[in-house]
C-alpha cells in the first residue's frame, strides 16, 4: 500500500497542474492525471506557439489530438478560439478534461473518447488548427500525418502544430506539396513544427 504524507501529496498535486498563460483564463491552473505519458507542453514553448498563432487563433475551430492535460486546447480557448475538440483514448483523461471544462464553465470544449486514428478516419468535422502532440517513440506522428493526408479535415490556410522527440526530423519532401513548414524549433529533447496547409495543387 502506498501512503503519501500530507507534504508529499501536496507536492504531487502541484506537479500535476499546468497553468494557462494567456487570454481570459490567464493564471488559471488545470489539474491533470498522474500518468507517465502525459507531458504538458511547457509554458515557454506554449508562449512561443501561441505567439506564432496570434494572427489566426481568434474564432478558430481547433482539434487537440492526444489531448492529455488539455493545455493546448484550453490555452486556445482562453485566447479566443471558437471551439476545440479534445480527443483522447484514456477514460480517466476524458473525465478530468470534463471536470476542467465544467470548472471553467466552458461550453466550447467538445471532449471525445476515441483514439486519434479512429477519430481522423471517421470525423466529418473540419478545422482551422490541429494540435498533434502524441506520446513519444511510438510512431504516432507519422501515423497521424498519413491519416491527415487521406482525410481532408484541415481548412485551406489552416495550421498543423506537431510536437515530437528531438531526433524525429520531418523531411519536407515527404509531406504533401501544399504543406509548408513555417516554423521549426528545438528545445532540449523536444522538436516542434508549425505547418501551413495551402490549397490543393
C-alpha atoms as a PDB file:
ATOM      1  CA  UNK A   1       0.000   0.000   0.000  1.00  0.00           C
ATOM      2  CA  UNK A   2       1.342   3.459  -0.931  1.00  0.00           C
ATOM      3  CA  UNK A   3       0.976   6.069   1.770  1.00  0.00           C
ATOM      4  CA  UNK A   4       1.649   9.720   0.971  1.00  0.00           C
ATOM      5  CA  UNK A   5       2.360  12.202   3.690  1.00  0.00           C
ATOM      6  CA  UNK A   6       0.462  15.468   3.503  1.00  0.00           C
ATOM      7  CA  UNK A   7       3.545  17.290   2.210  1.00  0.00           C
ATOM      8  CA  UNK A   8       4.206  14.653  -0.476  1.00  0.00           C
ATOM      9  CA  UNK A   9       0.565  14.688  -1.553  1.00  0.00           C
ATOM     10  CA  UNK A  10       0.619  18.468  -1.967  1.00  0.00           C
ATOM     11  CA  UNK A  11       3.855  18.223  -3.977  1.00  0.00           C
ATOM     12  CA  UNK A  12       2.277  15.600  -6.259  1.00  0.00           C
ATOM     13  CA  UNK A  13      -0.816  17.741  -6.835  1.00  0.00           C
ATOM     14  CA  UNK A  14       1.334  20.775  -7.678  1.00  0.00           C
ATOM     15  CA  UNK A  15       3.347  18.715 -10.159  1.00  0.00           C
ATOM     16  CA  UNK A  16       0.125  17.584 -11.865  1.00  0.00           C
ATOM     17  CA  UNK A  17      -1.018  21.078 -12.735  1.00  0.00           C
ATOM     18  CA  UNK A  18      -0.456  23.254 -15.764  1.00  0.00           C
ATOM     19  CA  UNK A  19      -1.036  26.993 -15.896  1.00  0.00           C
ATOM     20  CA  UNK A  20      -2.890  28.838 -18.657  1.00  0.00           C
ATOM     21  CA  UNK A  21      -0.515  31.595 -19.681  1.00  0.00           C
ATOM     22  CA  UNK A  22      -2.637  33.963 -21.762  1.00  0.00           C
ATOM     23  CA  UNK A  23      -6.143  35.195 -22.518  1.00  0.00           C
ATOM     24  CA  UNK A  24      -9.275  35.319 -20.399  1.00  0.00           C
ATOM     25  CA  UNK A  25      -8.230  32.423 -18.128  1.00  0.00           C
ATOM     26  CA  UNK A  26      -4.657  33.604 -17.700  1.00  0.00           C
ATOM     27  CA  UNK A  27      -3.174  32.233 -14.483  1.00  0.00           C
ATOM     28  CA  UNK A  28      -5.799  29.528 -14.011  1.00  0.00           C
ATOM     29  CA  UNK A  29      -4.329  26.126 -13.155  1.00  0.00           C
ATOM     30  CA  UNK A  30      -5.557  22.924 -14.753  1.00  0.00           C
ATOM     31  CA  UNK A  31      -5.195  19.620 -12.932  1.00  0.00           C
ATOM     32  CA  UNK A  32      -4.277  16.535 -14.928  1.00  0.00           C
ATOM     33  CA  UNK A  33      -3.857  12.850 -14.193  1.00  0.00           C
ATOM     34  CA  UNK A  34      -0.624  11.369 -12.901  1.00  0.00           C
ATOM     35  CA  UNK A  35       0.234   9.317 -15.990  1.00  0.00           C
ATOM     36  CA  UNK A  36       3.813   8.930 -17.195  1.00  0.00           C
ATOM     37  CA  UNK A  37       2.875   9.560 -20.833  1.00  0.00           C
ATOM     38  CA  UNK A  38       1.306  12.941 -20.039  1.00  0.00           C
ATOM     39  CA  UNK A  39       3.872  15.707 -20.519  1.00  0.00           C
ATOM     40  CA  UNK A  40       2.117  19.043 -20.998  1.00  0.00           C
ATOM     41  CA  UNK A  41       3.807  21.478 -23.361  1.00  0.00           C
ATOM     42  CA  UNK A  42       5.990  23.724 -21.147  1.00  0.00           C
ATOM     43  CA  UNK A  43       4.995  27.350 -20.584  1.00  0.00           C
ATOM     44  CA  UNK A  44       7.772  28.812 -22.734  1.00  0.00           C
ATOM     45  CA  UNK A  45       7.010  26.536 -25.675  1.00  0.00           C
ATOM     46  CA  UNK A  46       3.268  27.281 -25.415  1.00  0.00           C
ATOM     47  CA  UNK A  47       4.056  31.001 -25.324  1.00  0.00           C
ATOM     48  CA  UNK A  48       6.123  30.619 -28.496  1.00  0.00           C
ATOM     49  CA  UNK A  49       3.413  28.563 -30.204  1.00  0.00           C
ATOM     50  CA  UNK A  50       0.614  30.990 -29.435  1.00  0.00           C
ATOM     51  CA  UNK A  51       2.759  33.942 -30.470  1.00  0.00           C
ATOM     52  CA  UNK A  52       3.040  32.171 -33.829  1.00  0.00           C
ATOM     53  CA  UNK A  53      -0.734  31.628 -33.895  1.00  0.00           C
ATOM     54  CA  UNK A  54      -1.767  35.106 -32.712  1.00  0.00           C
ATOM     55  CA  UNK A  55      -2.959  36.248 -36.174  1.00  0.00           C
ATOM     56  CA  UNK A  56      -5.199  33.179 -36.657  1.00  0.00           C
ATOM     57  CA  UNK A  57      -6.308  31.875 -33.255  1.00  0.00           C
ATOM     58  CA  UNK A  58      -9.334  34.160 -32.811  1.00  0.00           C
ATOM     59  CA  UNK A  59     -12.563  32.379 -33.811  1.00  0.00           C
ATOM     60  CA  UNK A  60     -10.612  29.309 -34.987  1.00  0.00           C
ATOM     61  CA  UNK A  61     -12.010  25.774 -34.819  1.00  0.00           C
ATOM     62  CA  UNK A  62      -9.301  23.605 -33.280  1.00  0.00           C
ATOM     63  CA  UNK A  63      -8.583  19.921 -32.741  1.00  0.00           C
ATOM     64  CA  UNK A  64      -6.421  18.802 -29.816  1.00  0.00           C
ATOM     65  CA  UNK A  65      -5.411  15.207 -30.606  1.00  0.00           C
ATOM     66  CA  UNK A  66      -3.890  13.205 -27.742  1.00  0.00           C
ATOM     67  CA  UNK A  67      -5.361  15.939 -25.542  1.00  0.00           C
ATOM     68  CA  UNK A  68      -3.826  14.708 -22.277  1.00  0.00           C
ATOM     69  CA  UNK A  69      -3.761  17.614 -19.839  1.00  0.00           C
ATOM     70  CA  UNK A  70      -5.743  19.770 -22.270  1.00  0.00           C
ATOM     71  CA  UNK A  71      -3.110  22.509 -22.002  1.00  0.00           C
ATOM     72  CA  UNK A  72      -3.034  23.332 -25.721  1.00  0.00           C
ATOM     73  CA  UNK A  73      -6.787  23.199 -26.254  1.00  0.00           C
ATOM     74  CA  UNK A  74      -7.747  25.242 -23.197  1.00  0.00           C
ATOM     75  CA  UNK A  75      -4.992  27.743 -23.960  1.00  0.00           C
ATOM     76  CA  UNK A  76      -6.519  28.144 -27.437  1.00  0.00           C
ATOM     77  CA  UNK A  77      -9.985  28.699 -25.969  1.00  0.00           C
ATOM     78  CA  UNK A  78      -8.594  31.180 -23.452  1.00  0.00           C
ATOM     79  CA  UNK A  79      -7.122  33.163 -26.339  1.00  0.00           C
ATOM     80  CA  UNK A  80     -10.313  33.342 -28.375  1.00  0.00           C
ATOM     81  CA  UNK A  81     -10.708  30.108 -30.334  1.00  0.00           C
ATOM     82  CA  UNK A  82     -14.342  29.484 -31.223  1.00  0.00           C
ATOM     83  CA  UNK A  83     -14.348  25.761 -30.418  1.00  0.00           C
ATOM     84  CA  UNK A  84     -11.901  22.978 -29.539  1.00  0.00           C
ATOM     85  CA  UNK A  85     -12.393  19.235 -29.949  1.00  0.00           C
ATOM     86  CA  UNK A  86     -10.351  17.329 -27.350  1.00  0.00           C
ATOM     87  CA  UNK A  87      -9.637  13.698 -28.315  1.00  0.00           C
ATOM     88  CA  UNK A  88      -8.081  11.122 -26.006  1.00  0.00           C
ATOM     89  CA  UNK A  89      -8.300   7.334 -25.654  1.00  0.00           C
ATOM     90  CA  UNK A  90      -7.945   7.190 -21.854  1.00  0.00           C
ATOM     91  CA  UNK A  91     -11.252   7.373 -19.990  1.00  0.00           C
ATOM     92  CA  UNK A  92      -9.599   8.862 -16.905  1.00  0.00           C
ATOM     93  CA  UNK A  93      -8.195  11.694 -19.024  1.00  0.00           C
ATOM     94  CA  UNK A  94     -11.631  12.277 -20.549  1.00  0.00           C
ATOM     95  CA  UNK A  95     -13.224  12.537 -17.093  1.00  0.00           C
ATOM     96  CA  UNK A  96     -10.560  15.010 -15.972  1.00  0.00           C
ATOM     97  CA  UNK A  97     -10.990  17.147 -19.104  1.00  0.00           C
ATOM     98  CA  UNK A  98     -14.730  17.256 -18.471  1.00  0.00           C
ATOM     99  CA  UNK A  99     -14.079  18.394 -14.903  1.00  0.00           C
ATOM    100  CA  UNK A 100     -11.811  21.188 -16.149  1.00  0.00           C
ATOM    101  CA  UNK A 101     -14.377  22.299 -18.733  1.00  0.00           C
ATOM    102  CA  UNK A 102     -17.096  22.349 -16.066  1.00  0.00           C
ATOM    103  CA  UNK A 103     -14.872  24.328 -13.683  1.00  0.00           C
ATOM    104  CA  UNK A 104     -14.168  26.892 -16.399  1.00  0.00           C
ATOM    105  CA  UNK A 105     -17.864  26.902 -17.435  1.00  0.00           C
ATOM    106  CA  UNK A 106     -16.632  26.259 -20.959  1.00  0.00           C
ATOM    107  CA  UNK A 107     -19.239  25.102 -23.450  1.00  0.00           C
ATOM    108  CA  UNK A 108     -16.844  25.446 -26.396  1.00  0.00           C
ATOM    109  CA  UNK A 109     -14.897  22.332 -25.339  1.00  0.00           C
ATOM    110  CA  UNK A 110     -16.060  19.188 -27.162  1.00  0.00           C
ATOM    111  CA  UNK A 111     -14.499  16.211 -25.374  1.00  0.00           C
ATOM    112  CA  UNK A 112     -14.354  12.928 -27.269  1.00  0.00           C
ATOM    113  CA  UNK A 113     -13.343   9.467 -26.070  1.00  0.00           C
ATOM    114  CA  UNK A 114     -11.541   7.930 -29.057  1.00  0.00           C
ATOM    115  CA  UNK A 115      -8.160   7.029 -30.450  1.00  0.00           C
ATOM    116  CA  UNK A 116      -6.682   9.716 -32.666  1.00  0.00           C
ATOM    117  CA  UNK A 117      -6.585   7.393 -35.677  1.00  0.00           C
ATOM    118  CA  UNK A 118     -10.241   6.374 -35.334  1.00  0.00           C
ATOM    119  CA  UNK A 119     -11.327   9.978 -34.937  1.00  0.00           C
ATOM    120  CA  UNK A 120      -9.393  11.134 -38.014  1.00  0.00           C
ATOM    121  CA  UNK A 121     -10.899   8.322 -40.091  1.00  0.00           C
ATOM    122  CA  UNK A 122     -14.494   8.904 -39.006  1.00  0.00           C
ATOM    123  CA  UNK A 123     -14.940  12.613 -38.362  1.00  0.00           C
ATOM    124  CA  UNK A 124     -16.875  14.863 -40.700  1.00  0.00           C
ATOM    125  CA  UNK A 125     -15.644  17.951 -38.872  1.00  0.00           C
ATOM    126  CA  UNK A 126     -13.093  20.336 -40.375  1.00  0.00           C
ATOM    127  CA  UNK A 127     -10.640  22.526 -38.505  1.00  0.00           C
ATOM    128  CA  UNK A 128      -8.507  25.641 -38.806  1.00  0.00           C
ATOM    129  CA  UNK A 129      -5.815  24.439 -36.395  1.00  0.00           C
ATOM    130  CA  UNK A 130      -4.803  20.936 -35.305  1.00  0.00           C
ATOM    131  CA  UNK A 131      -2.518  20.283 -32.327  1.00  0.00           C
ATOM    132  CA  UNK A 132      -0.656  16.972 -32.669  1.00  0.00           C
ATOM    133  CA  UNK A 133       1.309  16.161 -29.514  1.00  0.00           C
ATOM    134  CA  UNK A 134       1.340  12.362 -29.049  1.00  0.00           C
ATOM    135  CA  UNK A 135       3.386  10.172 -26.683  1.00  0.00           C
ATOM    136  CA  UNK A 136       6.950   9.897 -27.950  1.00  0.00           C
ATOM    137  CA  UNK A 137       8.711   6.939 -29.605  1.00  0.00           C
ATOM    138  CA  UNK A 138       5.540   5.199 -30.789  1.00  0.00           C
ATOM    139  CA  UNK A 139       5.435   6.325 -34.429  1.00  0.00           C
ATOM    140  CA  UNK A 140       2.205   8.238 -33.802  1.00  0.00           C
ATOM    141  CA  UNK A 141       3.232  11.436 -35.567  1.00  0.00           C
ATOM    142  CA  UNK A 142       3.814   9.518 -38.801  1.00  0.00           C
ATOM    143  CA  UNK A 143       0.574   7.572 -38.354  1.00  0.00           C
ATOM    144  CA  UNK A 144      -1.450  10.763 -37.932  1.00  0.00           C
ATOM    145  CA  UNK A 145       0.265  12.530 -40.814  1.00  0.00           C
ATOM    146  CA  UNK A 146      -0.703   9.647 -43.102  1.00  0.00           C
ATOM    147  CA  UNK A 147      -4.306   9.863 -41.867  1.00  0.00           C
ATOM    148  CA  UNK A 148      -4.369  13.629 -42.391  1.00  0.00           C
ATOM    149  CA  UNK A 149      -3.078  13.177 -45.944  1.00  0.00           C
ATOM    150  CA  UNK A 150      -6.050  10.910 -46.704  1.00  0.00           C
ATOM    151  CA  UNK A 151      -8.781  12.833 -44.887  1.00  0.00           C
ATOM    152  CA  UNK A 152      -9.305  16.445 -45.837  1.00  0.00           C
ATOM    153  CA  UNK A 153     -10.091  17.892 -42.399  1.00  0.00           C
ATOM    154  CA  UNK A 154      -7.802  20.949 -42.254  1.00  0.00           C
ATOM    155  CA  UNK A 155      -9.133  24.045 -43.987  1.00  0.00           C
ATOM    156  CA  UNK A 156      -7.011  25.584 -46.718  1.00  0.00           C
ATOM    157  CA  UNK A 157      -4.824  28.150 -44.984  1.00  0.00           C
ATOM    158  CA  UNK A 158      -5.045  26.239 -41.703  1.00  0.00           C
ATOM    159  CA  UNK A 159      -2.215  25.088 -39.471  1.00  0.00           C
ATOM    160  CA  UNK A 160      -0.880  21.827 -38.059  1.00  0.00           C
ATOM    161  CA  UNK A 161       1.272  22.010 -34.912  1.00  0.00           C
ATOM    162  CA  UNK A 162       3.465  18.971 -34.253  1.00  0.00           C
ATOM    163  CA  UNK A 163       5.419  18.256 -31.083  1.00  0.00           C
ATOM    164  CA  UNK A 164       7.767  15.290 -31.273  1.00  0.00           C
ATOM    165  CA  UNK A 165      11.038  13.882 -29.947  1.00  0.00           C
ATOM    166  CA  UNK A 166      14.059  15.957 -30.977  1.00  0.00           C
ATOM    167  CA  UNK A 167      15.596  13.256 -33.165  1.00  0.00           C
ATOM    168  CA  UNK A 168      12.395  12.920 -35.212  1.00  0.00           C
ATOM    169  CA  UNK A 169      13.014  15.410 -38.001  1.00  0.00           C
ATOM    170  CA  UNK A 170      10.312  15.880 -40.612  1.00  0.00           C
ATOM    171  CA  UNK A 171      11.551  15.747 -44.180  1.00  0.00           C
ATOM    172  CA  UNK A 172       9.699  18.354 -46.266  1.00  0.00           C
ATOM    173  CA  UNK A 173       9.918  16.186 -49.385  1.00  0.00           C
ATOM    174  CA  UNK A 174       7.765  13.517 -47.697  1.00  0.00           C
ATOM    175  CA  UNK A 175       4.950  15.981 -46.966  1.00  0.00           C
ATOM    176  CA  UNK A 176       2.170  16.876 -49.408  1.00  0.00           C
ATOM    177  CA  UNK A 177       3.126  19.669 -51.822  1.00  0.00           C
ATOM    178  CA  UNK A 178       0.585  22.022 -50.246  1.00  0.00           C
ATOM    179  CA  UNK A 179       2.097  21.592 -46.733  1.00  0.00           C
ATOM    180  CA  UNK A 180       4.750  24.193 -45.886  1.00  0.00           C
ATOM    181  CA  UNK A 181       6.853  24.125 -42.710  1.00  0.00           C
ATOM    182  CA  UNK A 182       6.621  27.723 -41.472  1.00  0.00           C
ATOM    183  CA  UNK A 183       8.279  27.352 -38.087  1.00  0.00           C
ATOM    184  CA  UNK A 184      10.615  24.802 -36.530  1.00  0.00           C
ATOM    185  CA  UNK A 185      12.225  24.868 -33.102  1.00  0.00           C
ATOM    186  CA  UNK A 186      14.179  22.511 -30.883  1.00  0.00           C
ATOM    187  CA  UNK A 187      14.178  22.783 -27.100  1.00  0.00           C
ATOM    188  CA  UNK A 188      16.094  20.057 -25.280  1.00  0.00           C
ATOM    189  CA  UNK A 189      14.556  16.678 -26.083  1.00  0.00           C
ATOM    190  CA  UNK A 190      11.610  18.178 -27.987  1.00  0.00           C
ATOM    191  CA  UNK A 191      11.239  19.426 -31.551  1.00  0.00           C
ATOM    192  CA  UNK A 192       8.187  21.373 -32.736  1.00  0.00           C
ATOM    193  CA  UNK A 193       6.834  22.317 -36.145  1.00  0.00           C
ATOM    194  CA  UNK A 194       4.154  24.670 -37.367  1.00  0.00           C
ATOM    195  CA  UNK A 195       2.918  23.636 -40.813  1.00  0.00           C
ATOM    196  CA  UNK A 196       0.677  25.734 -43.036  1.00  0.00           C
ATOM    197  CA  UNK A 197      -1.807  23.809 -45.163  1.00  0.00           C
ATOM    198  CA  UNK A 198      -2.271  25.523 -48.515  1.00  0.00           C
ATOM    199  CA  UNK A 199      -4.820  24.894 -51.210  1.00  0.00           C
ATOM    200  CA  UNK A 200      -4.509  21.617 -53.102  1.00  0.00           C
ATOM    201  CA  UNK A 201      -2.285  21.843 -56.200  1.00  0.00           C
END
